[in-house]
PDB file of N, CA and C in Angstrom:
ATOM      1  N   UNK A   1       0.607  -1.161  -0.086  1.00  0.00           N
ATOM      2  CA  UNK A   1      -0.116  -0.223  -0.234  1.00  0.00           C
ATOM      3  C   UNK A   1       0.773   1.698   0.200  1.00  0.00           C
ATOM      4  N   UNK A   2       1.843   0.812  -0.184  1.00  0.00           N
ATOM      5  CA  UNK A   2       2.907   2.762   0.033  1.00  0.00           C
ATOM      6  C   UNK A   2       3.740   2.550  -1.106  1.00  0.00           C
ATOM      7  N   UNK A   3       3.797   2.026  -1.842  1.00  0.00           N
ATOM      8  CA  UNK A   3       4.319   2.148  -2.950  1.00  0.00           C
ATOM      9  C   UNK A   3       5.696   0.584  -3.176  1.00  0.00           C
ATOM     10  N   UNK A   4       5.587   0.125  -2.211  1.00  0.00           N
ATOM     11  CA  UNK A   4       7.468  -0.556  -2.367  1.00  0.00           C
ATOM     12  C   UNK A   4       6.757  -1.693  -2.870  1.00  0.00           C
ATOM     13  N   UNK A   5       6.557  -2.794  -3.395  1.00  0.00           N
ATOM     14  CA  UNK A   5       7.734  -4.027  -4.194  1.00  0.00           C
ATOM     15  C   UNK A   5       8.536  -4.653  -2.876  1.00  0.00           C
ATOM     16  N   UNK A   6       8.502  -5.295  -2.881  1.00  0.00           N
ATOM     17  CA  UNK A   6       9.139  -6.937  -1.802  1.00  0.00           C
ATOM     18  C   UNK A   6       9.163  -7.951  -1.568  1.00  0.00           C
ATOM     19  N   UNK A   7       9.869  -8.877  -1.576  1.00  0.00           N
ATOM     20  CA  UNK A   7      10.063  -9.374  -2.328  1.00  0.00           C
ATOM     21  C   UNK A   7      10.050 -10.556  -0.552  1.00  0.00           C
ATOM     22  N   UNK A   8       9.888 -11.655  -0.349  1.00  0.00           N
ATOM     23  CA  UNK A   8      10.001 -12.364   0.822  1.00  0.00           C
ATOM     24  C   UNK A   8      10.860 -14.024   0.397  1.00  0.00           C
ATOM     25  N   UNK A   9      12.651 -13.325   1.159  1.00  0.00           N
ATOM     26  CA  UNK A   9      13.226 -15.058   1.392  1.00  0.00           C
ATOM     27  C   UNK A   9      12.732 -15.558   2.879  1.00  0.00           C
ATOM     28  N   UNK A  10      13.208 -16.417   2.455  1.00  0.00           N
ATOM     29  CA  UNK A  10      13.201 -17.489   3.786  1.00  0.00           C
ATOM     30  C   UNK A  10      15.272 -17.771   4.240  1.00  0.00           C
ATOM     31  N   UNK A  11      15.799 -17.869   3.061  1.00  0.00           N
ATOM     32  CA  UNK A  11      17.007 -18.282   3.321  1.00  0.00           C
ATOM     33  C   UNK A  11      17.997 -16.620   2.519  1.00  0.00           C
ATOM     34  N   UNK A  12      18.978 -17.210   3.553  1.00  0.00           N
ATOM     35  CA  UNK A  12      20.207 -16.086   2.053  1.00  0.00           C
ATOM     36  C   UNK A  12      20.534 -15.824   1.290  1.00  0.00           C
ATOM     37  N   UNK A  13      20.215 -17.367   1.115  1.00  0.00           N
ATOM     38  CA  UNK A  13      20.427 -17.785  -0.193  1.00  0.00           C
ATOM     39  C   UNK A  13      19.655 -17.137  -1.696  1.00  0.00           C
ATOM     40  N   UNK A  14      18.147 -17.190  -0.938  1.00  0.00           N
ATOM     41  CA  UNK A  14      17.916 -16.437  -1.862  1.00  0.00           C
ATOM     42  C   UNK A  14      17.271 -15.326  -2.449  1.00  0.00           C
ATOM     43  N   UNK A  15      17.795 -14.479  -0.792  1.00  0.00           N
ATOM     44  CA  UNK A  15      17.693 -13.365  -1.031  1.00  0.00           C
ATOM     45  C   UNK A  15      18.907 -13.136  -2.198  1.00  0.00           C
ATOM     46  N   UNK A  16      20.509 -13.290  -2.078  1.00  0.00           N
ATOM     47  CA  UNK A  16      21.510 -12.387  -2.985  1.00  0.00           C
ATOM     48  C   UNK A  16      21.633 -13.338  -4.175  1.00  0.00           C
ATOM     49  N   UNK A  17      19.750 -14.238  -4.792  1.00  0.00           N
ATOM     50  CA  UNK A  17      19.678 -14.501  -6.468  1.00  0.00           C
ATOM     51  C   UNK A  17      18.726 -13.922  -6.363  1.00  0.00           C
ATOM     52  N   UNK A  18      17.337 -12.926  -5.440  1.00  0.00           N
ATOM     53  CA  UNK A  18      16.717 -12.101  -5.434  1.00  0.00           C
ATOM     54  C   UNK A  18      18.100 -10.679  -6.006  1.00  0.00           C
ATOM     55  N   UNK A  19      19.437 -10.648  -5.456  1.00  0.00           N
ATOM     56  CA  UNK A  19      19.568  -9.951  -5.600  1.00  0.00           C
ATOM     57  C   UNK A  19      20.043  -9.684  -7.297  1.00  0.00           C
ATOM     58  N   UNK A  20      20.539 -10.256  -6.895  1.00  0.00           N
ATOM     59  CA  UNK A  20      21.450 -10.977  -8.718  1.00  0.00           C
ATOM     60  C   UNK A  20      20.593 -10.273  -9.680  1.00  0.00           C
ATOM     61  N   UNK A  21      18.590 -10.862  -9.727  1.00  0.00           N
ATOM     62  CA  UNK A  21      18.365 -10.631 -11.053  1.00  0.00           C
ATOM     63  C   UNK A  21      17.566  -9.592 -10.735  1.00  0.00           C
ATOM     64  N   UNK A  22      17.000  -8.869 -10.026  1.00  0.00           N
ATOM     65  CA  UNK A  22      16.306  -7.629 -10.067  1.00  0.00           C
ATOM     66  C   UNK A  22      16.361  -6.841  -9.336  1.00  0.00           C
ATOM     67  N   UNK A  23      16.015  -5.622  -9.869  1.00  0.00           N
ATOM     68  CA  UNK A  23      16.821  -4.542  -9.398  1.00  0.00           C
ATOM     69  C   UNK A  23      16.545  -4.001  -7.666  1.00  0.00           C
ATOM     70  N   UNK A  24      17.590  -4.964  -7.094  1.00  0.00           N
ATOM     71  CA  UNK A  24      16.842  -4.475  -5.429  1.00  0.00           C
ATOM     72  C   UNK A  24      18.155  -3.574  -4.597  1.00  0.00           C
ATOM     73  N   UNK A  25      16.600  -2.150  -4.430  1.00  0.00           N
ATOM     74  CA  UNK A  25      17.372  -1.465  -3.455  1.00  0.00           C
ATOM     75  C   UNK A  25      17.682  -1.011  -2.330  1.00  0.00           C
ATOM     76  N   UNK A  26      17.280  -2.595  -1.177  1.00  0.00           N
ATOM     77  CA  UNK A  26      17.781  -2.473   0.216  1.00  0.00           C
ATOM     78  C   UNK A  26      17.776  -3.607   0.529  1.00  0.00           C
ATOM     79  N   UNK A  27      17.800  -4.463   1.312  1.00  0.00           N
ATOM     80  CA  UNK A  27      17.374  -5.489   1.687  1.00  0.00           C
ATOM     81  C   UNK A  27      16.839  -5.446   3.013  1.00  0.00           C
ATOM     82  N   UNK A  28      15.636  -5.933   4.077  1.00  0.00           N
ATOM     83  CA  UNK A  28      16.001  -5.834   5.375  1.00  0.00           C
ATOM     84  C   UNK A  28      15.781  -6.972   6.004  1.00  0.00           C
ATOM     85  N   UNK A  29      16.608  -7.285   6.901  1.00  0.00           N
ATOM     86  CA  UNK A  29      16.947  -7.953   7.959  1.00  0.00           C
ATOM     87  C   UNK A  29      15.770  -7.811   8.830  1.00  0.00           C
ATOM     88  N   UNK A  30      15.706  -9.431   9.492  1.00  0.00           N
ATOM     89  CA  UNK A  30      14.421  -9.810  10.609  1.00  0.00           C
ATOM     90  C   UNK A  30      14.641 -10.170  12.082  1.00  0.00           C
ATOM     91  N   UNK A  31      15.080  -9.766  12.907  1.00  0.00           N
ATOM     92  CA  UNK A  31      15.198  -9.299  14.243  1.00  0.00           C
ATOM     93  C   UNK A  31      16.009 -10.844  15.077  1.00  0.00           C
ATOM     94  N   UNK A  32      15.643 -11.110  14.639  1.00  0.00           N
ATOM     95  CA  UNK A  32      15.559 -13.171  14.813  1.00  0.00           C
ATOM     96  C   UNK A  32      16.850 -13.576  14.112  1.00  0.00           C
ATOM     97  N   UNK A  33      17.016 -13.051  13.279  1.00  0.00           N
ATOM     98  CA  UNK A  33      17.663 -13.456  12.073  1.00  0.00           C
ATOM     99  C   UNK A  33      19.413 -14.038  12.712  1.00  0.00           C
ATOM    100  N   UNK A  34      20.742 -14.631  12.572  1.00  0.00           N
ATOM    101  CA  UNK A  34      21.419 -14.658  13.069  1.00  0.00           C
ATOM    102  C   UNK A  34      22.300 -15.558  12.370  1.00  0.00           C
ATOM    103  N   UNK A  35      22.750 -15.377  11.328  1.00  0.00           N
ATOM    104  CA  UNK A  35      23.272 -16.030  10.120  1.00  0.00           C
ATOM    105  C   UNK A  35      24.346 -15.269   9.638  1.00  0.00           C
ATOM    106  N   UNK A  36      26.079 -15.507  10.167  1.00  0.00           N
ATOM    107  CA  UNK A  36      27.106 -16.255   9.725  1.00  0.00           C
ATOM    108  C   UNK A  36      27.055 -14.818   7.872  1.00  0.00           C
ATOM    109  N   UNK A  37      26.028 -15.125   7.421  1.00  0.00           N
ATOM    110  CA  UNK A  37      25.358 -15.509   5.835  1.00  0.00           C
ATOM    111  C   UNK A  37      25.245 -13.911   5.065  1.00  0.00           C
ATOM    112  N   UNK A  38      24.692 -13.258   6.261  1.00  0.00           N
ATOM    113  CA  UNK A  38      24.075 -11.659   5.972  1.00  0.00           C
ATOM    114  C   UNK A  38      25.271 -11.037   6.112  1.00  0.00           C
ATOM    115  N   UNK A  39      26.854 -11.501   6.395  1.00  0.00           N
ATOM    116  CA  UNK A  39      27.223 -11.008   6.162  1.00  0.00           C
ATOM    117  C   UNK A  39      27.624  -9.577   4.122  1.00  0.00           C
ATOM    118  N   UNK A  40      27.790 -10.858   3.539  1.00  0.00           N
ATOM    119  CA  UNK A  40      28.010 -11.013   2.511  1.00  0.00           C
ATOM    120  C   UNK A  40      26.757 -10.117   1.615  1.00  0.00           C
ATOM    121  N   UNK A  41      25.170 -10.630   2.411  1.00  0.00           N
ATOM    122  CA  UNK A  41      24.807  -9.776   1.858  1.00  0.00           C
ATOM    123  C   UNK A  41      24.670  -7.723   1.814  1.00  0.00           C
ATOM    124  N   UNK A  42      24.816  -8.056   3.283  1.00  0.00           N
ATOM    125  CA  UNK A  42      25.102  -6.579   3.600  1.00  0.00           C
ATOM    126  C   UNK A  42      26.197  -6.230   3.084  1.00  0.00           C
ATOM    127  N   UNK A  43      27.727  -6.387   3.259  1.00  0.00           N
ATOM    128  CA  UNK A  43      28.635  -5.977   2.694  1.00  0.00           C
ATOM    129  C   UNK A  43      27.838  -5.805   1.033  1.00  0.00           C
ATOM    130  N   UNK A  44      27.069  -5.569   0.668  1.00  0.00           N
ATOM    131  CA  UNK A  44      26.493  -5.825  -1.381  1.00  0.00           C
ATOM    132  C   UNK A  44      25.633  -4.778  -1.329  1.00  0.00           C
ATOM    133  N   UNK A  45      25.033  -4.863  -0.383  1.00  0.00           N
ATOM    134  CA  UNK A  45      23.853  -3.790  -0.481  1.00  0.00           C
ATOM    135  C   UNK A  45      23.264  -2.954   0.610  1.00  0.00           C
ATOM    136  N   UNK A  46      22.933  -2.085   0.539  1.00  0.00           N
ATOM    137  CA  UNK A  46      21.984  -1.389   1.266  1.00  0.00           C
ATOM    138  C   UNK A  46      21.543  -2.740   2.559  1.00  0.00           C
ATOM    139  N   UNK A  47      21.303  -2.550   3.990  1.00  0.00           N
ATOM    140  CA  UNK A  47      20.761  -3.528   4.294  1.00  0.00           C
ATOM    141  C   UNK A  47      19.616  -2.599   5.677  1.00  0.00           C
ATOM    142  N   UNK A  48      18.594  -2.803   6.349  1.00  0.00           N
ATOM    143  CA  UNK A  48      17.917  -3.474   6.591  1.00  0.00           C
ATOM    144  C   UNK A  48      17.949  -4.189   8.105  1.00  0.00           C
ATOM    145  N   UNK A  49      17.679  -2.960   9.283  1.00  0.00           N
ATOM    146  CA  UNK A  49      17.830  -4.295  10.418  1.00  0.00           C
ATOM    147  C   UNK A  49      17.112  -4.496  11.453  1.00  0.00           C
ATOM    148  N   UNK A  50      15.883  -5.308  11.706  1.00  0.00           N
ATOM    149  CA  UNK A  50      14.917  -4.235  12.227  1.00  0.00           C
ATOM    150  C   UNK A  50      15.124  -5.130  13.290  1.00  0.00           C
ATOM    151  N   UNK A  51      13.892  -3.663  14.314  1.00  0.00           N
ATOM    152  CA  UNK A  51      14.365  -4.749  15.263  1.00  0.00           C
ATOM    153  C   UNK A  51      12.916  -5.593  15.823  1.00  0.00           C
ATOM    154  N   UNK A  52      12.734  -6.454  17.446  1.00  0.00           N
ATOM    155  CA  UNK A  52      11.347  -7.278  17.282  1.00  0.00           C
ATOM    156  C   UNK A  52      10.851  -6.351  17.351  1.00  0.00           C
ATOM    157  N   UNK A  53      10.183  -5.266  18.151  1.00  0.00           N
ATOM    158  CA  UNK A  53       8.791  -4.757  17.777  1.00  0.00           C
ATOM    159  C   UNK A  53       8.668  -3.875  17.055  1.00  0.00           C
ATOM    160  N   UNK A  54       9.730  -3.753  16.333  1.00  0.00           N
ATOM    161  CA  UNK A  54       9.417  -2.180  15.058  1.00  0.00           C
ATOM    162  C   UNK A  54       8.125  -3.391  14.314  1.00  0.00           C
ATOM    163  N   UNK A  55       6.807  -2.346  13.546  1.00  0.00           N
ATOM    164  CA  UNK A  55       6.166  -1.907  13.052  1.00  0.00           C
ATOM    165  C   UNK A  55       6.382  -2.079  11.722  1.00  0.00           C
ATOM    166  N   UNK A  56       5.343  -2.045  10.463  1.00  0.00           N
ATOM    167  CA  UNK A  56       5.363  -2.220   9.457  1.00  0.00           C
ATOM    168  C   UNK A  56       5.772  -0.002   9.391  1.00  0.00           C
ATOM    169  N   UNK A  57       4.481   0.434   9.881  1.00  0.00           N
ATOM    170  CA  UNK A  57       4.604   2.265   9.716  1.00  0.00           C
ATOM    171  C   UNK A  57       6.714   2.390  10.085  1.00  0.00           C
ATOM    172  N   UNK A  58       6.471   1.670  10.525  1.00  0.00           N
ATOM    173  CA  UNK A  58       8.788   1.933  10.927  1.00  0.00           C
ATOM    174  C   UNK A  58       9.954   1.928  10.133  1.00  0.00           C
ATOM    175  N   UNK A  59       9.249   0.375   9.516  1.00  0.00           N
ATOM    176  CA  UNK A  59      10.144   0.103   8.194  1.00  0.00           C
ATOM    177  C   UNK A  59       9.592   2.092   6.922  1.00  0.00           C
ATOM    178  N   UNK A  60       8.990   1.716   6.829  1.00  0.00           N
ATOM    179  CA  UNK A  60       8.624   2.702   5.868  1.00  0.00           C
ATOM    180  C   UNK A  60       8.886   4.341   6.119  1.00  0.00           C
ATOM    181  N   UNK A  61       9.140   4.598   7.298  1.00  0.00           N
ATOM    182  CA  UNK A  61       9.523   5.567   7.661  1.00  0.00           C
ATOM    183  C   UNK A  61      10.851   5.305   7.686  1.00  0.00           C
ATOM    184  N   UNK A  62      11.454   4.361   7.938  1.00  0.00           N
ATOM    185  CA  UNK A  62      13.287   4.546   7.563  1.00  0.00           C
ATOM    186  C   UNK A  62      14.015   4.429   5.942  1.00  0.00           C
ATOM    187  N   UNK A  63      12.527   3.517   5.015  1.00  0.00           N
ATOM    188  CA  UNK A  63      13.204   3.678   3.493  1.00  0.00           C
ATOM    189  C   UNK A  63      12.728   4.587   3.174  1.00  0.00           C
ATOM    190  N   UNK A  64      11.516   5.686   3.430  1.00  0.00           N
ATOM    191  CA  UNK A  64      11.520   6.914   3.239  1.00  0.00           C
ATOM    192  C   UNK A  64      12.193   8.079   3.243  1.00  0.00           C
ATOM    193  N   UNK A  65      13.431   7.535   4.444  1.00  0.00           N
ATOM    194  CA  UNK A  65      14.378   8.619   4.983  1.00  0.00           C
ATOM    195  C   UNK A  65      15.844   8.067   4.340  1.00  0.00           C
ATOM    196  N   UNK A  66      15.005   6.833   3.491  1.00  0.00           N
ATOM    197  CA  UNK A  66      16.628   6.354   3.204  1.00  0.00           C
ATOM    198  C   UNK A  66      16.563   6.505   1.567  1.00  0.00           C
ATOM    199  N   UNK A  67      16.183   6.709   1.621  1.00  0.00           N
ATOM    200  CA  UNK A  67      15.316   6.757  -0.482  1.00  0.00           C
ATOM    201  C   UNK A  67      14.428   7.973  -1.225  1.00  0.00           C
ATOM    202  N   UNK A  68      13.867   8.865   0.095  1.00  0.00           N
ATOM    203  CA  UNK A  68      12.811   9.811  -0.112  1.00  0.00           C
ATOM    204  C   UNK A  68      11.500   9.143  -0.435  1.00  0.00           C
ATOM    205  N   UNK A  69      10.863  10.301  -1.054  1.00  0.00           N
ATOM    206  CA  UNK A  69       9.453   9.960  -1.824  1.00  0.00           C
ATOM    207  C   UNK A  69      10.156   9.941  -3.674  1.00  0.00           C
ATOM    208  N   UNK A  70       9.969   8.431  -4.098  1.00  0.00           N
ATOM    209  CA  UNK A  70       9.478   8.770  -5.572  1.00  0.00           C
ATOM    210  C   UNK A  70       8.609   8.298  -6.245  1.00  0.00           C
ATOM    211  N   UNK A  71       8.162   8.421  -7.083  1.00  0.00           N
ATOM    212  CA  UNK A  71       6.694   8.375  -7.484  1.00  0.00           C
ATOM    213  C   UNK A  71       7.901   6.813  -8.826  1.00  0.00           C
ATOM    214  N   UNK A  72       8.499   5.385  -9.009  1.00  0.00           N
ATOM    215  CA  UNK A  72       8.982   4.894  -8.493  1.00  0.00           C
ATOM    216  C   UNK A  72       8.986   4.262  -6.913  1.00  0.00           C
ATOM    217  N   UNK A  73       8.338   3.133  -6.917  1.00  0.00           N
ATOM    218  CA  UNK A  73       8.708   2.295  -6.861  1.00  0.00           C
ATOM    219  C   UNK A  73      10.109   1.594  -6.472  1.00  0.00           C
ATOM    220  N   UNK A  74      10.414   1.796  -4.543  1.00  0.00           N
ATOM    221  CA  UNK A  74      11.142  -0.071  -4.994  1.00  0.00           C
ATOM    222  C   UNK A  74      11.267  -0.152  -4.296  1.00  0.00           C
ATOM    223  N   UNK A  75      12.020  -1.263  -4.889  1.00  0.00           N
ATOM    224  CA  UNK A  75      12.363  -3.206  -4.123  1.00  0.00           C
ATOM    225  C   UNK A  75      13.437  -3.017  -3.202  1.00  0.00           C
TER     226      UNK A  75
END
C-alpha cells in the first residue's frame, strides 16, 4: 500500500539470488536472524535490520528517509 515492491526470502541464498536477478534497493533483515552469511548480503547491498518491536510503519519511515519519496517504486 505504500508503493514498495517486496520480495520475501527464507534463506540468505534466496536473498542473494533475488539481488542478482532483480533491482533490489535495500535488504530488510528480520530481528531473529543470526546467520553469519548475512554479512555477505550486508557488504553488497543497503541493509536494514529491524528490531523485534518494529512495525510496518517504522520500516516505511526508514525507507522513505533512506530513499526519499519517489514516483517510482522501491524494491
